[in-house]
PDB file of all heavy atoms in Angstrom:
ATOM      1  N   ARG A   1       0.860  -1.190   0.000  1.00  0.00           N
ATOM      2  CA  ARG A   1       0.000   0.000   0.000  1.00  0.00           C
ATOM      3  C   ARG A   1       0.891   1.232   0.000  1.00  0.00           C
ATOM      4  O   ARG A   1       1.897   1.274   0.704  1.00  0.00           O
ATOM      5  CB  ARG A   1      -0.883   0.015   1.233  1.00  0.00           C
ATOM      6  CG  ARG A   1      -1.931  -1.049   1.277  1.00  0.00           C
ATOM      7  CD  ARG A   1      -2.723  -0.955   2.586  1.00  0.00           C
ATOM      8  NE  ARG A   1      -3.687  -2.013   2.677  1.00  0.00           N
ATOM      9  CZ  ARG A   1      -3.475  -3.179   3.282  1.00  0.00           C
ATOM     10  NH1 ARG A   1      -2.325  -3.418   3.872  1.00  0.00           N
ATOM     11  NH2 ARG A   1      -4.413  -4.114   3.301  1.00  0.00           N
ATOM     12  N   THR A   2       0.486   2.248  -0.750  1.00  0.00           N
ATOM     13  CA  THR A   2       1.267   3.479  -0.766  1.00  0.00           C
ATOM     14  C   THR A   2       0.376   4.676  -1.030  1.00  0.00           C
ATOM     15  O   THR A   2      -0.680   4.557  -1.651  1.00  0.00           O
ATOM     16  CB  THR A   2       2.383   3.425  -1.846  1.00  0.00           C
ATOM     17  OG1 THR A   2       3.153   4.618  -1.777  1.00  0.00           O
ATOM     18  CG2 THR A   2       1.805   3.280  -3.241  1.00  0.00           C
ATOM     19  N   VAL A   3       0.806   5.812  -0.527  1.00  0.00           N
ATOM     20  CA  VAL A   3       0.175   7.083  -0.868  1.00  0.00           C
ATOM     21  C   VAL A   3       1.158   7.925  -1.681  1.00  0.00           C
ATOM     22  O   VAL A   3       1.025   9.127  -1.783  1.00  0.00           O
ATOM     23  CB  VAL A   3      -0.331   7.842   0.383  1.00  0.00           C
ATOM     24  CG1 VAL A   3      -1.491   7.099   1.027  1.00  0.00           C
ATOM     25  CG2 VAL A   3       0.797   8.098   1.377  1.00  0.00           C
ATOM     26  N   GLN A   4       2.154   7.269  -2.280  1.00  0.00           N
ATOM     27  CA  GLN A   4       3.100   7.927  -3.183  1.00  0.00           C
ATOM     28  C   GLN A   4       2.528   7.787  -4.590  1.00  0.00           C
ATOM     29  O   GLN A   4       2.328   6.680  -5.065  1.00  0.00           O
ATOM     30  CB  GLN A   4       4.483   7.267  -3.083  1.00  0.00           C
ATOM     31  CG  GLN A   4       5.570   7.958  -3.877  1.00  0.00           C
ATOM     32  CD  GLN A   4       5.711   7.444  -5.297  1.00  0.00           C
ATOM     33  OE1 GLN A   4       5.364   6.322  -5.626  1.00  0.00           O
ATOM     34  NE2 GLN A   4       6.223   8.297  -6.158  1.00  0.00           N
ATOM     35  N   TYR A   5       2.217   8.891  -5.238  1.00  0.00           N
ATOM     36  CA  TYR A   5       1.611   8.828  -6.566  1.00  0.00           C
ATOM     37  C   TYR A   5       2.659   8.989  -7.657  1.00  0.00           C
ATOM     38  O   TYR A   5       3.518   9.852  -7.599  1.00  0.00           O
ATOM     39  CB  TYR A   5       0.545   9.915  -6.748  1.00  0.00           C
ATOM     40  CG  TYR A   5      -0.236   9.679  -8.007  1.00  0.00           C
ATOM     41  CD1 TYR A   5      -1.359   8.876  -7.983  1.00  0.00           C
ATOM     42  CD2 TYR A   5       0.187  10.196  -9.225  1.00  0.00           C
ATOM     43  CE1 TYR A   5      -2.051   8.606  -9.142  1.00  0.00           C
ATOM     44  CE2 TYR A   5      -0.502   9.920 -10.390  1.00  0.00           C
ATOM     45  CZ  TYR A   5      -1.620   9.122 -10.339  1.00  0.00           C
ATOM     46  OH  TYR A   5      -2.298   8.849 -11.490  1.00  0.00           O
ATOM     47  N   SER A   6       2.550   8.160  -8.640  1.00  0.00           N
ATOM     48  CA  SER A   6       3.417   8.241  -9.807  1.00  0.00           C
ATOM     49  C   SER A   6       2.658   7.682 -10.995  1.00  0.00           C
ATOM     50  O   SER A   6       1.843   6.779 -10.849  1.00  0.00           O
ATOM     51  CB  SER A   6       4.691   7.425  -9.566  1.00  0.00           C
ATOM     52  OG  SER A   6       5.440   7.327 -10.746  1.00  0.00           O
ATOM     53  N   GLN A   7       2.930   8.203 -12.168  1.00  0.00           N
ATOM     54  CA  GLN A   7       2.320   7.693 -13.395  1.00  0.00           C
ATOM     55  C   GLN A   7       3.181   6.600 -14.035  1.00  0.00           C
ATOM     56  O   GLN A   7       3.023   6.310 -15.203  1.00  0.00           O
ATOM     57  CB  GLN A   7       2.115   8.825 -14.406  1.00  0.00           C
ATOM     58  CG  GLN A   7       0.845   9.593 -14.222  1.00  0.00           C
ATOM     59  CD  GLN A   7      -0.396   8.803 -14.496  1.00  0.00           C
ATOM     60  OE1 GLN A   7      -1.243   8.659 -13.619  1.00  0.00           O
ATOM     61  NE2 GLN A   7      -0.562   8.278 -15.667  1.00  0.00           N
ATOM     62  N   TRP A   8       4.081   6.020 -13.279  1.00  0.00           N
ATOM     63  CA  TRP A   8       4.824   4.892 -13.826  1.00  0.00           C
ATOM     64  C   TRP A   8       3.823   3.850 -14.286  1.00  0.00           C
ATOM     65  O   TRP A   8       2.640   3.945 -13.965  1.00  0.00           O
ATOM     66  CB  TRP A   8       5.744   4.327 -12.760  1.00  0.00           C
ATOM     67  CG  TRP A   8       7.016   5.098 -12.605  1.00  0.00           C
ATOM     68  CD1 TRP A   8       7.330   6.297 -13.190  1.00  0.00           C
ATOM     69  CD2 TRP A   8       8.123   4.733 -11.823  1.00  0.00           C
ATOM     70  NE1 TRP A   8       8.580   6.685 -12.802  1.00  0.00           N
ATOM     71  CE2 TRP A   8       9.093   5.738 -11.964  1.00  0.00           C
ATOM     72  CE3 TRP A   8       8.403   3.658 -11.003  1.00  0.00           C
ATOM     73  CZ2 TRP A   8      10.318   5.688 -11.325  1.00  0.00           C
ATOM     74  CZ3 TRP A   8       9.622   3.616 -10.368  1.00  0.00           C
ATOM     75  CH2 TRP A   8      10.569   4.616 -10.537  1.00  0.00           C
ATOM     76  N   PRO A   9       4.251   2.851 -15.020  1.00  0.00           N
ATOM     77  CA  PRO A   9       3.277   1.871 -15.520  1.00  0.00           C
ATOM     78  C   PRO A   9       2.309   1.449 -14.415  1.00  0.00           C
ATOM     79  O   PRO A   9       2.727   1.142 -13.294  1.00  0.00           O
ATOM     80  CB  PRO A   9       4.148   0.704 -15.970  1.00  0.00           C
ATOM     81  CG  PRO A   9       5.443   1.351 -16.368  1.00  0.00           C
ATOM     82  CD  PRO A   9       5.631   2.462 -15.376  1.00  0.00           C
ATOM     83  N   LEU A  10       1.033   1.476 -14.747  1.00  0.00           N
ATOM     84  CA  LEU A  10       0.009   1.159 -13.768  1.00  0.00           C
ATOM     85  C   LEU A  10      -1.220   0.576 -14.442  1.00  0.00           C
ATOM     86  O   LEU A  10      -1.452   0.776 -15.631  1.00  0.00           O
ATOM     87  CB  LEU A  10      -0.369   2.406 -12.958  1.00  0.00           C
ATOM     88  CG  LEU A  10      -0.937   3.622 -13.713  1.00  0.00           C
ATOM     89  CD1 LEU A  10      -2.442   3.513 -13.919  1.00  0.00           C
ATOM     90  CD2 LEU A  10      -0.620   4.891 -12.949  1.00  0.00           C
ATOM     91  N   VAL A  11      -1.986  -0.148 -13.655  1.00  0.00           N
ATOM     92  CA  VAL A  11      -3.317  -0.588 -14.048  1.00  0.00           C
ATOM     93  C   VAL A  11      -4.271   0.122 -13.104  1.00  0.00           C
ATOM     94  O   VAL A  11      -4.055   0.152 -11.893  1.00  0.00           O
ATOM     95  CB  VAL A  11      -3.494  -2.117 -13.930  1.00  0.00           C
ATOM     96  CG1 VAL A  11      -4.906  -2.526 -14.352  1.00  0.00           C
ATOM     97  CG2 VAL A  11      -2.457  -2.862 -14.761  1.00  0.00           C
ATOM     98  N   SER A  12      -5.304   0.708 -13.664  1.00  0.00           N
ATOM     99  CA  SER A  12      -6.228   1.508 -12.877  1.00  0.00           C
ATOM    100  C   SER A  12      -7.658   1.174 -13.259  1.00  0.00           C
ATOM    101  O   SER A  12      -7.937   0.781 -14.391  1.00  0.00           O
ATOM    102  CB  SER A  12      -5.954   2.996 -13.164  1.00  0.00           C
ATOM    103  OG  SER A  12      -6.949   3.829 -12.618  1.00  0.00           O
ATOM    104  N   ARG A  13      -8.546   1.362 -12.302  1.00  0.00           N
ATOM    105  CA  ARG A  13      -9.954   1.322 -12.657  1.00  0.00           C
ATOM    106  C   ARG A  13     -10.219   2.548 -13.525  1.00  0.00           C
ATOM    107  O   ARG A  13      -9.783   3.657 -13.195  1.00  0.00           O
ATOM    108  CB  ARG A  13     -10.829   1.347 -11.405  1.00  0.00           C
ATOM    109  CG  ARG A  13     -10.785   0.048 -10.611  1.00  0.00           C
ATOM    110  CD  ARG A  13     -11.851  -0.044  -9.516  1.00  0.00           C
ATOM    111  NE  ARG A  13     -12.531   1.174  -9.202  1.00  0.00           N
ATOM    112  CZ  ARG A  13     -12.354   1.868  -8.075  1.00  0.00           C
ATOM    113  NH1 ARG A  13     -11.524   1.455  -7.153  1.00  0.00           N
ATOM    114  NH2 ARG A  13     -13.026   2.978  -7.867  1.00  0.00           N
ATOM    115  N   THR A  14     -10.881   2.388 -14.606  1.00  0.00           N
ATOM    116  CA  THR A  14     -11.158   3.495 -15.514  1.00  0.00           C
ATOM    117  C   THR A  14     -11.939   4.594 -14.799  1.00  0.00           C
ATOM    118  O   THR A  14     -11.632   5.782 -14.955  1.00  0.00           O
ATOM    119  CB  THR A  14     -11.917   2.992 -16.757  1.00  0.00           C
ATOM    120  OG1 THR A  14     -11.175   1.920 -17.342  1.00  0.00           O
ATOM    121  CG2 THR A  14     -12.111   4.082 -17.780  1.00  0.00           C
ATOM    122  N   ASP A  15     -12.927   4.199 -13.990  1.00  0.00           N
ATOM    123  CA  ASP A  15     -13.711   5.211 -13.273  1.00  0.00           C
ATOM    124  C   ASP A  15     -12.854   6.002 -12.292  1.00  0.00           C
ATOM    125  O   ASP A  15     -13.073   7.195 -12.086  1.00  0.00           O
ATOM    126  CB  ASP A  15     -14.932   4.593 -12.579  1.00  0.00           C
ATOM    127  CG  ASP A  15     -14.584   3.582 -11.488  1.00  0.00           C
ATOM    128  OD1 ASP A  15     -13.432   3.091 -11.419  1.00  0.00           O
ATOM    129  OD2 ASP A  15     -15.494   3.253 -10.688  1.00  0.00           O
ATOM    130  N   TYR A  16     -11.853   5.384 -11.696  1.00  0.00           N
ATOM    131  CA  TYR A  16     -10.961   6.092 -10.780  1.00  0.00           C
ATOM    132  C   TYR A  16     -10.127   7.121 -11.539  1.00  0.00           C
ATOM    133  O   TYR A  16     -10.000   8.263 -11.101  1.00  0.00           O
ATOM    134  CB  TYR A  16     -10.048   5.111 -10.037  1.00  0.00           C
ATOM    135  CG  TYR A  16      -9.051   5.818  -9.145  1.00  0.00           C
ATOM    136  CD1 TYR A  16      -9.470   6.435  -7.965  1.00  0.00           C
ATOM    137  CD2 TYR A  16      -7.708   5.883  -9.479  1.00  0.00           C
ATOM    138  CE1 TYR A  16      -8.562   7.095  -7.147  1.00  0.00           C
ATOM    139  CE2 TYR A  16      -6.792   6.546  -8.662  1.00  0.00           C
ATOM    140  CZ  TYR A  16      -7.227   7.146  -7.506  1.00  0.00           C
ATOM    141  OH  TYR A  16      -6.329   7.801  -6.700  1.00  0.00           O
ATOM    142  N   HIS A  17      -9.577   6.731 -12.682  1.00  0.00           N
ATOM    143  CA  HIS A  17      -8.783   7.689 -13.453  1.00  0.00           C
ATOM    144  C   HIS A  17      -9.639   8.862 -13.929  1.00  0.00           C
ATOM    145  O   HIS A  17      -9.215  10.007 -13.887  1.00  0.00           O
ATOM    146  CB  HIS A  17      -8.086   6.983 -14.631  1.00  0.00           C
ATOM    147  CG  HIS A  17      -6.607   7.066 -14.548  1.00  0.00           C
ATOM    148  ND1 HIS A  17      -5.853   6.298 -13.700  1.00  0.00           N
ATOM    149  CD2 HIS A  17      -5.736   7.852 -15.198  1.00  0.00           C
ATOM    150  CE1 HIS A  17      -4.581   6.607 -13.840  1.00  0.00           C
ATOM    151  NE2 HIS A  17      -4.483   7.547 -14.748  1.00  0.00           N
ATOM    152  N   ARG A  18     -10.855   8.571 -14.348  1.00  0.00           N
ATOM    153  CA  ARG A  18     -11.757   9.653 -14.738  1.00  0.00           C
ATOM    154  C   ARG A  18     -12.040  10.569 -13.543  1.00  0.00           C
ATOM    155  O   ARG A  18     -12.067  11.801 -13.673  1.00  0.00           O
ATOM    156  CB  ARG A  18     -13.063   9.084 -15.276  1.00  0.00           C
ATOM    157  CG  ARG A  18     -12.952   8.501 -16.660  1.00  0.00           C
ATOM    158  CD  ARG A  18     -14.306   7.999 -17.154  1.00  0.00           C
ATOM    159  NE  ARG A  18     -14.201   7.458 -18.496  1.00  0.00           N
ATOM    160  CZ  ARG A  18     -14.645   6.262 -18.857  1.00  0.00           C
ATOM    161  NH1 ARG A  18     -15.267   5.478 -17.978  1.00  0.00           N
ATOM    162  NH2 ARG A  18     -14.505   5.851 -20.101  1.00  0.00           N
ATOM    163  N   ALA A  19     -12.244   9.967 -12.370  1.00  0.00           N
ATOM    164  CA  ALA A  19     -12.572  10.745 -11.175  1.00  0.00           C
ATOM    165  C   ALA A  19     -11.411  11.645 -10.754  1.00  0.00           C
ATOM    166  O   ALA A  19     -11.636  12.814 -10.400  1.00  0.00           O
ATOM    167  CB  ALA A  19     -12.964   9.813 -10.020  1.00  0.00           C
ATOM    168  N   ILE A  20     -10.178  11.143 -10.779  1.00  0.00           N
ATOM    169  CA  ILE A  20      -9.072  12.011 -10.355  1.00  0.00           C
ATOM    170  C   ILE A  20      -8.868  13.155 -11.342  1.00  0.00           C
ATOM    171  O   ILE A  20      -8.532  14.263 -10.939  1.00  0.00           O
ATOM    172  CB  ILE A  20      -7.751  11.239 -10.109  1.00  0.00           C
ATOM    173  CG1 ILE A  20      -7.217  10.600 -11.387  1.00  0.00           C
ATOM    174  CG2 ILE A  20      -7.899  10.246  -8.983  1.00  0.00           C
ATOM    175  CD1 ILE A  20      -5.839   9.974 -11.243  1.00  0.00           C
ATOM    176  N   LEU A  21      -9.105  12.888 -12.617  1.00  0.00           N
ATOM    177  CA  LEU A  21      -8.972  13.965 -13.605  1.00  0.00           C
ATOM    178  C   LEU A  21     -10.065  15.010 -13.422  1.00  0.00           C
ATOM    179  O   LEU A  21      -9.821  16.209 -13.560  1.00  0.00           O
ATOM    180  CB  LEU A  21      -8.984  13.391 -15.019  1.00  0.00           C
ATOM    181  CG  LEU A  21      -7.749  12.556 -15.366  1.00  0.00           C
ATOM    182  CD1 LEU A  21      -7.977  11.766 -16.649  1.00  0.00           C
ATOM    183  CD2 LEU A  21      -6.510  13.422 -15.474  1.00  0.00           C
ATOM    184  N   ALA A  22     -11.274  14.578 -13.085  1.00  0.00           N
ATOM    185  CA  ALA A  22     -12.373  15.517 -12.855  1.00  0.00           C
ATOM    186  C   ALA A  22     -12.192  16.268 -11.544  1.00  0.00           C
ATOM    187  O   ALA A  22     -12.471  17.471 -11.460  1.00  0.00           O
ATOM    188  CB  ALA A  22     -13.705  14.769 -12.847  1.00  0.00           C
ATOM    189  N   ARG A  23     -11.710  15.598 -10.511  1.00  0.00           N
ATOM    190  CA  ARG A  23     -11.611  16.176  -9.176  1.00  0.00           C
ATOM    191  C   ARG A  23     -10.403  17.098  -9.003  1.00  0.00           C
ATOM    192  O   ARG A  23     -10.475  18.092  -8.306  1.00  0.00           O
ATOM    193  CB  ARG A  23     -11.543  15.058  -8.143  1.00  0.00           C
ATOM    194  CG  ARG A  23     -11.613  15.521  -6.698  1.00  0.00           C
ATOM    195  CD  ARG A  23     -11.649  14.360  -5.704  1.00  0.00           C
ATOM    196  NE  ARG A  23     -12.710  13.430  -6.024  1.00  0.00           N
ATOM    197  CZ  ARG A  23     -12.524  12.112  -6.215  1.00  0.00           C
ATOM    198  NH1 ARG A  23     -11.337  11.575  -6.105  1.00  0.00           N
ATOM    199  NH2 ARG A  23     -13.542  11.331  -6.509  1.00  0.00           N
ATOM    200  N   HIS A  24      -9.294  16.768  -9.645  1.00  0.00           N
ATOM    201  CA  HIS A  24      -8.051  17.478  -9.369  1.00  0.00           C
ATOM    202  C   HIS A  24      -7.527  18.337 -10.522  1.00  0.00           C
ATOM    203  O   HIS A  24      -6.460  18.930 -10.397  1.00  0.00           O
ATOM    204  CB  HIS A  24      -6.967  16.486  -8.941  1.00  0.00           C
ATOM    205  CG  HIS A  24      -7.324  15.734  -7.698  1.00  0.00           C
ATOM    206  ND1 HIS A  24      -7.339  16.324  -6.448  1.00  0.00           N
ATOM    207  CD2 HIS A  24      -7.714  14.454  -7.510  1.00  0.00           C
ATOM    208  CE1 HIS A  24      -7.704  15.426  -5.550  1.00  0.00           C
ATOM    209  NE2 HIS A  24      -7.937  14.290  -6.164  1.00  0.00           N
ATOM    210  N   PHE A  25      -8.272  18.384 -11.638  1.00  0.00           N
ATOM    211  CA  PHE A  25      -7.820  19.166 -12.791  1.00  0.00           C
ATOM    212  C   PHE A  25      -8.986  19.959 -13.357  1.00  0.00           C
ATOM    213  O   PHE A  25     -10.073  19.415 -13.554  1.00  0.00           O
ATOM    214  CB  PHE A  25      -7.262  18.252 -13.886  1.00  0.00           C
ATOM    215  CG  PHE A  25      -6.022  17.522 -13.481  1.00  0.00           C
ATOM    216  CD1 PHE A  25      -6.103  16.312 -12.807  1.00  0.00           C
ATOM    217  CD2 PHE A  25      -4.766  18.054 -13.741  1.00  0.00           C
ATOM    218  CE1 PHE A  25      -4.961  15.637 -12.402  1.00  0.00           C
ATOM    219  CE2 PHE A  25      -3.621  17.390 -13.353  1.00  0.00           C
ATOM    220  CZ  PHE A  25      -3.719  16.173 -12.679  1.00  0.00           C
ATOM    221  N   LEU A  26      -8.743  21.216 -13.650  1.00  0.00           N
ATOM    222  CA  LEU A  26      -9.744  22.030 -14.324  1.00  0.00           C
ATOM    223  C   LEU A  26      -9.852  21.570 -15.772  1.00  0.00           C
ATOM    224  O   LEU A  26      -8.866  21.089 -16.344  1.00  0.00           O
ATOM    225  CB  LEU A  26      -9.347  23.506 -14.278  1.00  0.00           C
ATOM    226  CG  LEU A  26      -9.258  24.133 -12.890  1.00  0.00           C
ATOM    227  CD1 LEU A  26      -8.651  25.532 -12.980  1.00  0.00           C
ATOM    228  CD2 LEU A  26     -10.632  24.167 -12.240  1.00  0.00           C
ATOM    229  N   PRO A  27     -11.022  21.715 -16.393  1.00  0.00           N
ATOM    230  CA  PRO A  27     -11.129  21.352 -17.816  1.00  0.00           C
ATOM    231  C   PRO A  27     -10.077  22.097 -18.634  1.00  0.00           C
ATOM    232  O   PRO A  27      -9.889  23.305 -18.479  1.00  0.00           O
ATOM    233  CB  PRO A  27     -12.544  21.785 -18.186  1.00  0.00           C
ATOM    234  CG  PRO A  27     -13.294  21.758 -16.886  1.00  0.00           C
ATOM    235  CD  PRO A  27     -12.288  22.170 -15.839  1.00  0.00           C
ATOM    236  N   GLY A  28      -9.357  21.367 -19.457  1.00  0.00           N
ATOM    237  CA  GLY A  28      -8.341  21.975 -20.310  1.00  0.00           C
ATOM    238  C   GLY A  28      -7.037  22.292 -19.608  1.00  0.00           C
ATOM    239  O   GLY A  28      -6.131  22.871 -20.220  1.00  0.00           O
ATOM    240  N   GLU A  29      -6.926  21.939 -18.327  1.00  0.00           N
ATOM    241  CA  GLU A  29      -5.694  22.231 -17.590  1.00  0.00           C
ATOM    242  C   GLU A  29      -4.542  21.414 -18.171  1.00  0.00           C
ATOM    243  O   GLU A  29      -4.614  20.198 -18.264  1.00  0.00           O
ATOM    244  CB  GLU A  29      -5.876  21.912 -16.103  1.00  0.00           C
ATOM    245  CG  GLU A  29      -4.757  22.416 -15.244  1.00  0.00           C
ATOM    246  CD  GLU A  29      -5.080  22.330 -13.757  1.00  0.00           C
ATOM    247  OE1 GLU A  29      -6.055  21.659 -13.366  1.00  0.00           O
ATOM    248  OE2 GLU A  29      -4.341  22.957 -12.998  1.00  0.00           O
ATOM    249  N   ARG A  30      -3.494  22.096 -18.554  1.00  0.00           N
ATOM    250  CA  ARG A  30      -2.363  21.470 -19.242  1.00  0.00           C
ATOM    251  C   ARG A  30      -1.251  21.150 -18.253  1.00  0.00           C
ATOM    252  O   ARG A  30      -0.372  21.967 -18.000  1.00  0.00           O
ATOM    253  CB  ARG A  30      -1.849  22.389 -20.337  1.00  0.00           C
ATOM    254  CG  ARG A  30      -2.888  22.621 -21.407  1.00  0.00           C
ATOM    255  CD  ARG A  30      -2.435  23.606 -22.433  1.00  0.00           C
ATOM    256  NE  ARG A  30      -3.450  23.702 -23.470  1.00  0.00           N
ATOM    257  CZ  ARG A  30      -3.461  24.618 -24.391  1.00  0.00           C
ATOM    258  NH1 ARG A  30      -2.520  25.522 -24.434  1.00  0.00           N
ATOM    259  NH2 ARG A  30      -4.420  24.634 -25.294  1.00  0.00           N
ATOM    260  N   LYS A  31      -1.322  19.953 -17.708  1.00  0.00           N
ATOM    261  CA  LYS A  31      -0.344  19.505 -16.722  1.00  0.00           C
ATOM    262  C   LYS A  31      -0.124  18.008 -16.859  1.00  0.00           C
ATOM    263  O   LYS A  31      -0.959  17.294 -17.406  1.00  0.00           O
ATOM    264  CB  LYS A  31      -0.828  19.783 -15.295  1.00  0.00           C
ATOM    265  CG  LYS A  31      -0.872  21.235 -14.917  1.00  0.00           C
ATOM    266  CD  LYS A  31      -1.259  21.376 -13.464  1.00  0.00           C
ATOM    267  CE  LYS A  31      -1.208  22.828 -13.035  1.00  0.00           C
ATOM    268  NZ  LYS A  31      -1.602  22.969 -11.630  1.00  0.00           N
ATOM    269  N   MET A  32       0.990  17.561 -16.310  1.00  0.00           N
ATOM    270  CA  MET A  32       1.196  16.134 -16.132  1.00  0.00           C
ATOM    271  C   MET A  32       0.265  15.698 -15.008  1.00  0.00           C
ATOM    272  O   MET A  32      -0.023  16.487 -14.089  1.00  0.00           O
ATOM    273  CB  MET A  32       2.653  15.827 -15.766  1.00  0.00           C
ATOM    274  CG  MET A  32       3.652  16.259 -16.824  1.00  0.00           C
ATOM    275  SD  MET A  32       3.448  15.384 -18.380  1.00  0.00           S
ATOM    276  CE  MET A  32       4.162  13.804 -17.963  1.00  0.00           C
ATOM    277  N   ILE A  33      -0.210  14.474 -15.023  1.00  0.00           N
ATOM    278  CA  ILE A  33      -1.124  14.011 -13.982  1.00  0.00           C
ATOM    279  C   ILE A  33      -0.443  14.049 -12.616  1.00  0.00           C
ATOM    280  O   ILE A  33      -1.035  14.459 -11.624  1.00  0.00           O
ATOM    281  CB  ILE A  33      -1.672  12.611 -14.317  1.00  0.00           C
ATOM    282  CG1 ILE A  33      -2.545  12.693 -15.577  1.00  0.00           C
ATOM    283  CG2 ILE A  33      -2.464  12.032 -13.149  1.00  0.00           C
ATOM    284  CD1 ILE A  33      -3.027  11.360 -16.111  1.00  0.00           C
ATOM    285  N   GLU A  34       0.802  13.664 -12.560  1.00  0.00           N
ATOM    286  CA  GLU A  34       1.533  13.665 -11.284  1.00  0.00           C
ATOM    287  C   GLU A  34       1.548  15.041 -10.622  1.00  0.00           C
ATOM    288  O   GLU A  34       1.498  15.135  -9.396  1.00  0.00           O
ATOM    289  CB  GLU A  34       2.978  13.213 -11.503  1.00  0.00           C
ATOM    290  CG  GLU A  34       3.089  11.766 -11.878  1.00  0.00           C
ATOM    291  CD  GLU A  34       4.467  11.401 -12.371  1.00  0.00           C
ATOM    292  OE1 GLU A  34       5.135  12.249 -12.999  1.00  0.00           O
ATOM    293  OE2 GLU A  34       4.870  10.261 -12.127  1.00  0.00           O
ATOM    294  N   THR A  35       1.610  16.087 -11.413  1.00  0.00           N
ATOM    295  CA  THR A  35       1.725  17.441 -10.875  1.00  0.00           C
ATOM    296  C   THR A  35       0.641  17.744  -9.850  1.00  0.00           C
ATOM    297  O   THR A  35       0.921  18.272  -8.782  1.00  0.00           O
ATOM    298  CB  THR A  35       1.661  18.474 -12.026  1.00  0.00           C
ATOM    299  OG1 THR A  35       2.689  18.180 -12.953  1.00  0.00           O
ATOM    300  CG2 THR A  35       1.822  19.891 -11.506  1.00  0.00           C
ATOM    301  N   ASN A  36      -0.590  17.404 -10.156  1.00  0.00           N
ATOM    302  CA  ASN A  36      -1.699  17.704  -9.247  1.00  0.00           C
ATOM    303  C   ASN A  36      -1.991  16.566  -8.273  1.00  0.00           C
ATOM    304  O   ASN A  36      -2.736  16.753  -7.330  1.00  0.00           O
ATOM    305  CB  ASN A  36      -2.966  18.027 -10.028  1.00  0.00           C
ATOM    306  CG  ASN A  36      -2.945  19.406 -10.632  1.00  0.00           C
ATOM    307  OD1 ASN A  36      -1.886  20.011 -10.797  1.00  0.00           O
ATOM    308  ND2 ASN A  36      -4.105  19.921 -10.980  1.00  0.00           N
ATOM    309  N   MET A  37      -1.419  15.403  -8.506  1.00  0.00           N
ATOM    310  CA  MET A  37      -1.759  14.253  -7.674  1.00  0.00           C
ATOM    311  C   MET A  37      -0.808  14.028  -6.507  1.00  0.00           C
ATOM    312  O   MET A  37      -1.170  13.376  -5.542  1.00  0.00           O
ATOM    313  CB  MET A  37      -1.834  12.986  -8.526  1.00  0.00           C
ATOM    314  CG  MET A  37      -3.001  12.986  -9.492  1.00  0.00           C
ATOM    315  SD  MET A  37      -4.601  13.276  -8.702  1.00  0.00           S
ATOM    316  CE  MET A  37      -4.704  11.855  -7.636  1.00  0.00           C
ATOM    317  N   TYR A  38       0.410  14.541  -6.564  1.00  0.00           N
ATOM    318  CA  TYR A  38       1.352  14.320  -5.467  1.00  0.00           C
ATOM    319  C   TYR A  38       0.761  14.719  -4.126  1.00  0.00           C
ATOM    320  O   TYR A  38       0.711  13.938  -3.192  1.00  0.00           O
ATOM    321  CB  TYR A  38       2.639  15.129  -5.675  1.00  0.00           C
ATOM    322  CG  TYR A  38       3.595  14.571  -6.683  1.00  0.00           C
ATOM    323  CD1 TYR A  38       4.178  15.410  -7.629  1.00  0.00           C
ATOM    324  CD2 TYR A  38       3.941  13.232  -6.703  1.00  0.00           C
ATOM    325  CE1 TYR A  38       5.074  14.922  -8.565  1.00  0.00           C
ATOM    326  CE2 TYR A  38       4.839  12.727  -7.631  1.00  0.00           C
ATOM    327  CZ  TYR A  38       5.405  13.581  -8.553  1.00  0.00           C
ATOM    328  OH  TYR A  38       6.278  13.100  -9.473  1.00  0.00           O
ATOM    329  N   GLY A  39       0.323  15.964  -4.014  1.00  0.00           N
ATOM    330  CA  GLY A  39      -0.174  16.483  -2.739  1.00  0.00           C
ATOM    331  C   GLY A  39      -1.397  15.772  -2.206  1.00  0.00           C
ATOM    332  O   GLY A  39      -1.380  15.259  -1.084  1.00  0.00           O
TER     333      GLY A  39
END
């Protein structure tokens, strides 16, 4: 178990990936996913 986020190769639930993008990124926000997910 970890709370260290990285976009290294991963398998994810599709709904989870959609949720983190909706929750932590503004529409059209141009960032790497890790940028907003670390904190």
